[in-house]
Amino acid sequence: MTFLIKWVQKYQCDKHHKGINSWTHFVSMLFCHLSSADSVRDISNGLRSTTGNMSHMGISRAPSKSNLSCTQRNRDTVHSTRQADAKRLQ
């Protein structure tokens, strides 16, 4: 997963983050997809139930529902960052 780390460093995605970092957000969304979760509560409770395995995924603690919701709503994606960079260069 070094590609994600390189993108985060290149575009400084975690520069002013509050709550959870990009890696935790990525693992949470991957968990959401693989577990077919229907809500933020399902994601948060599902990750919380895997507390012993979170260290293997590189997460120190399970994100809360409000952190996941806020991060999903507010975090810029690499795609939107690239679009902003392209507009700035024109």
PDB file of N, CA and C in Angstrom:
ATOM      1  N   MET A   1       0.805  -1.193   0.000  1.00  0.00           N
ATOM      2  CA  MET A   1       0.000   0.000   0.000  1.00  0.00           C
ATOM      3  C   MET A   1       0.851   1.261   0.000  1.00  0.00           C
ATOM      4  N   THR A   2       2.054   1.139  -0.527  1.00  0.00           N
ATOM      5  CA  THR A   2       2.916   2.308  -0.550  1.00  0.00           C
ATOM      6  C   THR A   2       2.396   3.389  -1.490  1.00  0.00           C
ATOM      7  N   PHE A   3       1.568   3.002  -2.477  1.00  0.00           N
ATOM      8  CA  PHE A   3       1.006   4.011  -3.376  1.00  0.00           C
ATOM      9  C   PHE A   3       0.167   5.016  -2.604  1.00  0.00           C
ATOM     10  N   LEU A   4      -0.597   4.546  -1.616  1.00  0.00           N
ATOM     11  CA  LEU A   4      -1.424   5.443  -0.819  1.00  0.00           C
ATOM     12  C   LEU A   4      -0.550   6.381   0.010  1.00  0.00           C
ATOM     13  N   ILE A   5       0.488   5.850   0.586  1.00  0.00           N
ATOM     14  CA  ILE A   5       1.395   6.667   1.394  1.00  0.00           C
ATOM     15  C   ILE A   5       2.065   7.727   0.527  1.00  0.00           C
ATOM     16  N   LYS A   6       2.462   7.349  -0.696  1.00  0.00           N
ATOM     17  CA  LYS A   6       3.083   8.324  -1.605  1.00  0.00           C
ATOM     18  C   LYS A   6       2.108   9.427  -1.982  1.00  0.00           C
ATOM     19  N   TRP A   7       0.846   9.063  -2.263  1.00  0.00           N
ATOM     20  CA  TRP A   7      -0.157  10.069  -2.610  1.00  0.00           C
ATOM     21  C   TRP A   7      -0.437  11.000  -1.441  1.00  0.00           C
ATOM     22  N   VAL A   8      -0.523  10.440  -0.259  1.00  0.00           N
ATOM     23  CA  VAL A   8      -0.787  11.258   0.927  1.00  0.00           C
ATOM     24  C   VAL A   8       0.347  12.258   1.137  1.00  0.00           C
ATOM     25  N   GLN A   9       1.581  11.800   0.959  1.00  0.00           N
ATOM     26  CA  GLN A   9       2.724  12.701   1.123  1.00  0.00           C
ATOM     27  C   GLN A   9       2.787  13.731   0.003  1.00  0.00           C
ATOM     28  N   LYS A  10       2.527  13.298  -1.231  1.00  0.00           N
ATOM     29  CA  LYS A  10       2.619  14.208  -2.379  1.00  0.00           C
ATOM     30  C   LYS A  10       1.569  15.316  -2.308  1.00  0.00           C
ATOM     31  N   TYR A  11       0.333  14.938  -1.994  1.00  0.00           N
ATOM     32  CA  TYR A  11      -0.761  15.907  -1.978  1.00  0.00           C
ATOM     33  C   TYR A  11      -1.082  16.431  -0.587  1.00  0.00           C
ATOM     34  N   GLN A  12      -0.320  16.031   0.412  1.00  0.00           N
ATOM     35  CA  GLN A  12      -0.465  16.483   1.799  1.00  0.00           C
ATOM     36  C   GLN A  12      -1.910  16.346   2.285  1.00  0.00           C
ATOM     37  N   CYS A  13      -2.479  15.169   2.062  1.00  0.00           N
ATOM     38  CA  CYS A  13      -3.880  14.921   2.429  1.00  0.00           C
ATOM     39  C   CYS A  13      -4.112  14.923   3.935  1.00  0.00           C
ATOM     40  N   ASP A  14      -3.090  14.579   4.700  1.00  0.00           N
ATOM     41  CA  ASP A  14      -3.248  14.520   6.153  1.00  0.00           C
ATOM     42  C   ASP A  14      -2.740  15.774   6.851  1.00  0.00           C
ATOM     43  N   LYS A  15      -2.472  16.814   6.100  1.00  0.00           N
ATOM     44  CA  LYS A  15      -1.855  18.006   6.681  1.00  0.00           C
ATOM     45  C   LYS A  15      -2.708  18.636   7.780  1.00  0.00           C
ATOM     46  N   HIS A  16      -3.974  18.823   7.531  1.00  0.00           N
ATOM     47  CA  HIS A  16      -4.847  19.466   8.516  1.00  0.00           C
ATOM     48  C   HIS A  16      -6.003  18.567   8.929  1.00  0.00           C
ATOM     49  N   HIS A  17      -5.776  17.259   8.891  1.00  0.00           N
ATOM     50  CA  HIS A  17      -6.871  16.354   9.216  1.00  0.00           C
ATOM     51  C   HIS A  17      -7.155  16.360  10.712  1.00  0.00           C
ATOM     52  N   LYS A  18      -8.390  16.140  11.026  1.00  0.00           N
ATOM     53  CA  LYS A  18      -8.808  15.996  12.414  1.00  0.00           C
ATOM     54  C   LYS A  18      -9.522  14.675  12.520  1.00  0.00           C
ATOM     55  N   GLY A  19      -9.270  13.947  13.547  1.00  0.00           N
ATOM     56  CA  GLY A  19      -9.953  12.667  13.731  1.00  0.00           C
ATOM     57  C   GLY A  19      -9.137  11.501  13.259  1.00  0.00           C
ATOM     58  N   ILE A  20      -9.307  11.110  12.003  1.00  0.00           N
ATOM     59  CA  ILE A  20      -8.606   9.935  11.506  1.00  0.00           C
ATOM     60  C   ILE A  20      -7.752  10.309  10.298  1.00  0.00           C
ATOM     61  N   ASN A  21      -6.685   9.545  10.087  1.00  0.00           N
ATOM     62  CA  ASN A  21      -5.798   9.821   8.964  1.00  0.00           C
ATOM     63  C   ASN A  21      -6.263   9.077   7.716  1.00  0.00           C
ATOM     64  N   SER A  22      -5.564   9.265   6.620  1.00  0.00           N
ATOM     65  CA  SER A  22      -5.961   8.678   5.339  1.00  0.00           C
ATOM     66  C   SER A  22      -5.926   7.162   5.358  1.00  0.00           C
ATOM     67  N   TRP A  23      -4.941   6.577   6.040  1.00  0.00           N
ATOM     68  CA  TRP A  23      -4.842   5.127   6.085  1.00  0.00           C
ATOM     69  C   TRP A  23      -6.042   4.527   6.817  1.00  0.00           C
ATOM     70  N   THR A  24      -6.429   5.092   7.944  1.00  0.00           N
ATOM     71  CA  THR A  24      -7.582   4.605   8.688  1.00  0.00           C
ATOM     72  C   THR A  24      -8.853   4.765   7.861  1.00  0.00           C
ATOM     73  N   HIS A  25      -8.966   5.870   7.149  1.00  0.00           N
ATOM     74  CA  HIS A  25     -10.118   6.097   6.279  1.00  0.00           C
ATOM     75  C   HIS A  25     -10.148   5.046   5.171  1.00  0.00           C
ATOM     76  N   PHE A  26      -8.996   4.761   4.567  1.00  0.00           N
ATOM     77  CA  PHE A  26      -8.923   3.759   3.504  1.00  0.00           C
ATOM     78  C   PHE A  26      -9.318   2.376   4.015  1.00  0.00           C
ATOM     79  N   VAL A  27      -8.782   1.978   5.158  1.00  0.00           N
ATOM     80  CA  VAL A  27      -9.107   0.665   5.722  1.00  0.00           C
ATOM     81  C   VAL A  27     -10.589   0.596   6.085  1.00  0.00           C
ATOM     82  N   SER A  28     -11.139   1.673   6.595  1.00  0.00           N
ATOM     83  CA  SER A  28     -12.561   1.705   6.947  1.00  0.00           C
ATOM     84  C   SER A  28     -13.442   1.534   5.714  1.00  0.00           C
ATOM     85  N   MET A  29     -13.098   2.219   4.632  1.00  0.00           N
ATOM     86  CA  MET A  29     -13.889   2.111   3.412  1.00  0.00           C
ATOM     87  C   MET A  29     -13.708   0.734   2.761  1.00  0.00           C
ATOM     88  N   LEU A  30     -12.524   0.169   2.862  1.00  0.00           N
ATOM     89  CA  LEU A  30     -12.300  -1.193   2.368  1.00  0.00           C
ATOM     90  C   LEU A  30     -13.118  -2.187   3.175  1.00  0.00           C
ATOM     91  N   PHE A  31     -13.135  -2.018   4.493  1.00  0.00           N
ATOM     92  CA  PHE A  31     -13.953  -2.861   5.365  1.00  0.00           C
ATOM     93  C   PHE A  31     -15.431  -2.721   5.001  1.00  0.00           C
ATOM     94  N   CYS A  32     -15.861  -1.501   4.735  1.00  0.00           N
ATOM     95  CA  CYS A  32     -17.254  -1.245   4.349  1.00  0.00           C
ATOM     96  C   CYS A  32     -17.615  -2.029   3.098  1.00  0.00           C
ATOM     97  N   HIS A  33     -16.735  -2.004   2.135  1.00  0.00           N
ATOM     98  CA  HIS A  33     -17.005  -2.698   0.876  1.00  0.00           C
ATOM     99  C   HIS A  33     -17.000  -4.216   1.056  1.00  0.00           C
ATOM    100  N   LEU A  34     -15.993  -4.729   1.751  1.00  0.00           N
ATOM    101  CA  LEU A  34     -15.866  -6.175   1.901  1.00  0.00           C
ATOM    102  C   LEU A  34     -16.940  -6.775   2.800  1.00  0.00           C
ATOM    103  N   SER A  35     -17.398  -6.014   3.781  1.00  0.00           N
ATOM    104  CA  SER A  35     -18.413  -6.537   4.697  1.00  0.00           C
ATOM    105  C   SER A  35     -19.835  -6.189   4.265  1.00  0.00           C
ATOM    106  N   SER A  36     -19.966  -5.463   3.170  1.00  0.00           N
ATOM    107  CA  SER A  36     -21.274  -5.004   2.669  1.00  0.00           C
ATOM    108  C   SER A  36     -22.043  -4.239   3.741  1.00  0.00           C
ATOM    109  N   ALA A  37     -21.337  -3.353   4.427  1.00  0.00           N
ATOM    110  CA  ALA A  37     -21.965  -2.553   5.481  1.00  0.00           C
ATOM    111  C   ALA A  37     -22.946  -1.556   4.865  1.00  0.00           C
ATOM    112  N   ASP A  38     -24.032  -1.328   5.563  1.00  0.00           N
ATOM    113  CA  ASP A  38     -25.071  -0.429   5.077  1.00  0.00           C
ATOM    114  C   ASP A  38     -25.023   0.957   5.706  1.00  0.00           C
ATOM    115  N   SER A  39     -24.283   1.114   6.793  1.00  0.00           N
ATOM    116  CA  SER A  39     -24.283   2.405   7.477  1.00  0.00           C
ATOM    117  C   SER A  39     -22.936   2.640   8.147  1.00  0.00           C
ATOM    118  N   VAL A  40     -22.747   3.873   8.576  1.00  0.00           N
ATOM    119  CA  VAL A  40     -21.521   4.235   9.298  1.00  0.00           C
ATOM    120  C   VAL A  40     -21.454   3.464  10.616  1.00  0.00           C
ATOM    121  N   ARG A  41     -22.612   3.233  11.214  1.00  0.00           N
ATOM    122  CA  ARG A  41     -22.665   2.462  12.459  1.00  0.00           C
ATOM    123  C   ARG A  41     -22.152   1.036  12.231  1.00  0.00           C
ATOM    124  N   ASP A  42     -22.531   0.418  11.118  1.00  0.00           N
ATOM    125  CA  ASP A  42     -22.048  -0.928  10.797  1.00  0.00           C
ATOM    126  C   ASP A  42     -20.535  -0.955  10.646  1.00  0.00           C
ATOM    127  N   ILE A  43     -19.980   0.054  10.000  1.00  0.00           N
ATOM    128  CA  ILE A  43     -18.529   0.123   9.808  1.00  0.00           C
ATOM    129  C   ILE A  43     -17.833   0.283  11.147  1.00  0.00           C
ATOM    130  N   SER A  44     -18.290   1.251  11.937  1.00  0.00           N
ATOM    131  CA  SER A  44     -17.664   1.531  13.224  1.00  0.00           C
ATOM    132  C   SER A  44     -17.755   0.333  14.165  1.00  0.00           C
ATOM    133  N   ASN A  45     -18.934  -0.265  14.280  1.00  0.00           N
ATOM    134  CA  ASN A  45     -19.095  -1.427  15.166  1.00  0.00           C
ATOM    135  C   ASN A  45     -18.318  -2.630  14.654  1.00  0.00           C
ATOM    136  N   GLY A  46     -18.282  -2.820  13.339  1.00  0.00           N
ATOM    137  CA  GLY A  46     -17.532  -3.929  12.770  1.00  0.00           C
ATOM    138  C   GLY A  46     -16.044  -3.806  13.022  1.00  0.00           C
ATOM    139  N   LEU A  47     -15.499  -2.606  12.838  1.00  0.00           N
ATOM    140  CA  LEU A  47     -14.070  -2.398  13.120  1.00  0.00           C
ATOM    141  C   LEU A  47     -13.786  -2.512  14.611  1.00  0.00           C
ATOM    142  N   ARG A  48     -14.709  -2.046  15.428  1.00  0.00           N
ATOM    143  CA  ARG A  48     -14.522  -2.127  16.874  1.00  0.00           C
ATOM    144  C   ARG A  48     -14.507  -3.587  17.333  1.00  0.00           C
ATOM    145  N   SER A  49     -15.246  -4.454  16.638  1.00  0.00           N
ATOM    146  CA  SER A  49     -15.293  -5.865  17.024  1.00  0.00           C
ATOM    147  C   SER A  49     -14.024  -6.622  16.632  1.00  0.00           C
ATOM    148  N   THR A  50     -13.198  -6.017  15.790  1.00  0.00           N
ATOM    149  CA  THR A  50     -11.952  -6.660  15.376  1.00  0.00           C
ATOM    150  C   THR A  50     -10.750  -6.035  16.077  1.00  0.00           C
ATOM    151  N   THR A  51     -10.904  -5.676  17.327  1.00  0.00           N
ATOM    152  CA  THR A  51      -9.854  -4.933  18.030  1.00  0.00           C
ATOM    153  C   THR A  51      -8.515  -5.650  18.029  1.00  0.00           C
ATOM    154  N   GLY A  52      -8.520  -6.967  18.128  1.00  0.00           N
ATOM    155  CA  GLY A  52      -7.250  -7.702  18.138  1.00  0.00           C
ATOM    156  C   GLY A  52      -6.536  -7.662  16.808  1.00  0.00           C
ATOM    157  N   ASN A  53      -7.282  -7.499  15.720  1.00  0.00           N
ATOM    158  CA  ASN A  53      -6.691  -7.523  14.388  1.00  0.00           C
ATOM    159  C   ASN A  53      -6.388  -6.143  13.828  1.00  0.00           C
ATOM    160  N   MET A  54      -6.786  -5.098  14.516  1.00  0.00           N
ATOM    161  CA  MET A  54      -6.573  -3.754  13.993  1.00  0.00           C
ATOM    162  C   MET A  54      -5.094  -3.406  13.899  1.00  0.00           C
ATOM    163  N   SER A  55      -4.287  -3.917  14.794  1.00  0.00           N
ATOM    164  CA  SER A  55      -2.857  -3.620  14.716  1.00  0.00           C
ATOM    165  C   SER A  55      -2.243  -4.232  13.463  1.00  0.00           C
ATOM    166  N   HIS A  56      -2.798  -5.338  12.998  1.00  0.00           N
ATOM    167  CA  HIS A  56      -2.312  -5.950  11.759  1.00  0.00           C
ATOM    168  C   HIS A  56      -2.693  -5.115  10.538  1.00  0.00           C
ATOM    169  N   MET A  57      -3.762  -4.346  10.657  1.00  0.00           N
ATOM    170  CA  MET A  57      -4.204  -3.482   9.569  1.00  0.00           C
ATOM    171  C   MET A  57      -3.561  -2.103   9.643  1.00  0.00           C
ATOM    172  N   GLY A  58      -2.793  -1.838  10.678  1.00  0.00           N
ATOM    173  CA  GLY A  58      -2.131  -0.545  10.811  1.00  0.00           C
ATOM    174  C   GLY A  58      -2.989   0.526  11.439  1.00  0.00           C
ATOM    175  N   ILE A  59      -3.999   0.135  12.199  1.00  0.00           N
ATOM    176  CA  ILE A  59      -4.895   1.084  12.858  1.00  0.00           C
ATOM    177  C   ILE A  59      -4.719   0.939  14.362  1.00  0.00           C
ATOM    178  N   SER A  60      -4.554   2.054  15.051  1.00  0.00           N
ATOM    179  CA  SER A  60      -4.362   1.995  16.499  1.00  0.00           C
ATOM    180  C   SER A  60      -5.680   1.852  17.254  1.00  0.00           C
ATOM    181  N   ARG A  61      -6.752   2.478  16.738  1.00  0.00           N
ATOM    182  CA  ARG A  61      -8.063   2.371  17.382  1.00  0.00           C
ATOM    183  C   ARG A  61      -9.149   2.499  16.322  1.00  0.00           C
ATOM    184  N   ALA A  62     -10.305   1.952  16.627  1.00  0.00           N
ATOM    185  CA  ALA A  62     -11.427   1.996  15.685  1.00  0.00           C
ATOM    186  C   ALA A  62     -11.972   3.420  15.605  1.00  0.00           C
ATOM    187  N   PRO A  63     -12.237   3.904  14.400  1.00  0.00           N
ATOM    188  CA  PRO A  63     -12.798   5.252  14.276  1.00  0.00           C
ATOM    189  C   PRO A  63     -14.252   5.289  14.739  1.00  0.00           C
ATOM    190  N   SER A  64     -14.625   6.421  15.302  1.00  0.00           N
ATOM    191  CA  SER A  64     -16.011   6.581  15.749  1.00  0.00           C
ATOM    192  C   SER A  64     -16.917   6.882  14.557  1.00  0.00           C
ATOM    193  N   LYS A  65     -18.216   6.784  14.786  1.00  0.00           N
ATOM    194  CA  LYS A  65     -19.183   7.064  13.724  1.00  0.00           C
ATOM    195  C   LYS A  65     -19.058   8.507  13.250  1.00  0.00           C
ATOM    196  N   SER A  66     -18.915   9.419  14.194  1.00  0.00           N
ATOM    197  CA  SER A  66     -18.849  10.837  13.815  1.00  0.00           C
ATOM    198  C   SER A  66     -17.564  11.150  13.057  1.00  0.00           C
ATOM    199  N   ASN A  67     -16.441  10.529  13.442  1.00  0.00           N
ATOM    200  CA  ASN A  67     -15.192  10.733  12.709  1.00  0.00           C
ATOM    201  C   ASN A  67     -15.289  10.214  11.286  1.00  0.00           C
ATOM    202  N   LEU A  68     -15.854   9.027  11.116  1.00  0.00           N
ATOM    203  CA  LEU A  68     -16.017   8.475   9.772  1.00  0.00           C
ATOM    204  C   LEU A  68     -16.927   9.337   8.915  1.00  0.00           C
ATOM    205  N   SER A  69     -18.028   9.762   9.489  1.00  0.00           N
ATOM    206  CA  SER A  69     -18.977  10.575   8.752  1.00  0.00           C
ATOM    207  C   SER A  69     -18.372  11.911   8.342  1.00  0.00           C
ATOM    208  N   CYS A  70     -17.714  12.561   9.251  1.00  0.00           N
ATOM    209  CA  CYS A  70     -17.096  13.863   8.974  1.00  0.00           C
ATOM    210  C   CYS A  70     -15.975  13.725   7.951  1.00  0.00           C
ATOM    211  N   THR A  71     -15.171  12.688   8.089  1.00  0.00           N
ATOM    212  CA  THR A  71     -14.074  12.467   7.156  1.00  0.00           C
ATOM    213  C   THR A  71     -14.591  12.165   5.761  1.00  0.00           C
ATOM    214  N   GLN A  72     -15.604  11.334   5.670  1.00  0.00           N
ATOM    215  CA  GLN A  72     -16.177  10.984   4.374  1.00  0.00           C
ATOM    216  C   GLN A  72     -16.781  12.210   3.694  1.00  0.00           C
ATOM    217  N   ARG A  73     -17.359  13.084   4.474  1.00  0.00           N
ATOM    218  CA  ARG A  73     -18.008  14.267   3.925  1.00  0.00           C
ATOM    219  C   ARG A  73     -16.998  15.341   3.517  1.00  0.00           C
ATOM    220  N   ASN A  74     -15.928  15.508   4.290  1.00  0.00           N
ATOM    221  CA  ASN A  74     -15.049  16.661   4.106  1.00  0.00           C
ATOM    222  C   ASN A  74     -13.712  16.395   3.434  1.00  0.00           C
ATOM    223  N   ARG A  75     -13.228  15.176   3.450  1.00  0.00           N
ATOM    224  CA  ARG A  75     -11.880  14.923   2.938  1.00  0.00           C
ATOM    225  C   ARG A  75     -11.852  15.000   1.419  1.00  0.00           C
ATOM    226  N   ASP A  76     -10.881  15.734   0.895  1.00  0.00           N
ATOM    227  CA  ASP A  76     -10.691  15.817  -0.546  1.00  0.00           C
ATOM    228  C   ASP A  76     -10.090  14.513  -1.050  1.00  0.00           C
ATOM    229  N   THR A  77     -10.455  14.154  -2.241  1.00  0.00           N
ATOM    230  CA  THR A  77      -9.856  12.980  -2.858  1.00  0.00           C
ATOM    231  C   THR A  77      -8.666  13.415  -3.692  1.00  0.00           C
ATOM    232  N   VAL A  78      -7.840  12.472  -4.050  1.00  0.00           N
ATOM    233  CA  VAL A  78      -6.686  12.778  -4.889  1.00  0.00           C
ATOM    234  C   VAL A  78      -7.164  13.325  -6.222  1.00  0.00           C
ATOM    235  N   HIS A  79      -8.278  12.790  -6.724  1.00  0.00           N
ATOM    236  CA  HIS A  79      -8.805  13.241  -8.008  1.00  0.00           C
ATOM    237  C   HIS A  79      -9.166  14.723  -7.962  1.00  0.00           C
ATOM    238  N   SER A  80      -9.858  15.148  -6.925  1.00  0.00           N
ATOM    239  CA  SER A  80     -10.241  16.560  -6.835  1.00  0.00           C
ATOM    240  C   SER A  80      -9.022  17.434  -6.607  1.00  0.00           C
ATOM    241  N   THR A  81      -8.008  16.902  -5.933  1.00  0.00           N
ATOM    242  CA  THR A  81      -6.772  17.651  -5.731  1.00  0.00           C
ATOM    243  C   THR A  81      -6.048  17.828  -7.049  1.00  0.00           C
ATOM    244  N   ARG A  82      -6.031  16.782  -7.854  1.00  0.00           N
ATOM    245  CA  ARG A  82      -5.394  16.900  -9.178  1.00  0.00           C
ATOM    246  C   ARG A  82      -6.134  17.905 -10.048  1.00  0.00           C
ATOM    247  N   GLN A  83      -7.454  17.924  -9.989  1.00  0.00           N
ATOM    248  CA  GLN A  83      -8.227  18.890 -10.758  1.00  0.00           C
ATOM    249  C   GLN A  83      -7.916  20.305 -10.307  1.00  0.00           C
ATOM    250  N   ALA A  84      -7.797  20.508  -9.016  1.00  0.00           N
ATOM    251  CA  ALA A  84      -7.472  21.841  -8.485  1.00  0.00           C
ATOM    252  C   ALA A  84      -6.081  22.258  -8.930  1.00  0.00           C
ATOM    253  N   ASP A  85      -5.112  21.308  -8.931  1.00  0.00           N
ATOM    254  CA  ASP A  85      -3.761  21.612  -9.396  1.00  0.00           C
ATOM    255  C   ASP A  85      -3.767  21.987 -10.866  1.00  0.00           C
ATOM    256  N   ALA A  86      -4.546  21.272 -11.674  1.00  0.00           N
ATOM    257  CA  ALA A  86      -4.618  21.554 -13.111  1.00  0.00           C
ATOM    258  C   ALA A  86      -5.208  22.933 -13.363  1.00  0.00           C
ATOM    259  N   LYS A  87      -6.250  23.296 -12.618  1.00  0.00           N
ATOM    260  CA  LYS A  87      -6.857  24.616 -12.783  1.00  0.00           C
ATOM    261  C   LYS A  87      -5.901  25.731 -12.378  1.00  0.00           C
ATOM    262  N   ARG A  88      -5.124  25.464 -11.313  1.00  0.00           N
ATOM    263  CA  ARG A  88      -4.172  26.458 -10.839  1.00  0.00           C
ATOM    264  C   ARG A  88      -3.080  26.711 -11.871  1.00  0.00           C
ATOM    265  N   LEU A  89      -2.685  25.680 -12.613  1.00  0.00           N
ATOM    266  CA  LEU A  89      -1.612  25.812 -13.596  1.00  0.00           C
ATOM    267  C   LEU A  89      -2.072  26.488 -14.883  1.00  0.00           C
ATOM    268  N   GLN A  90      -3.364  26.519 -15.137  1.00  0.00           N
ATOM    269  CA  GLN A  90      -3.870  27.112 -16.384  1.00  0.00           C
ATOM    270  C   GLN A  90      -3.919  28.602 -16.321  1.00  0.00           C
TER     271      GLN A  90
END
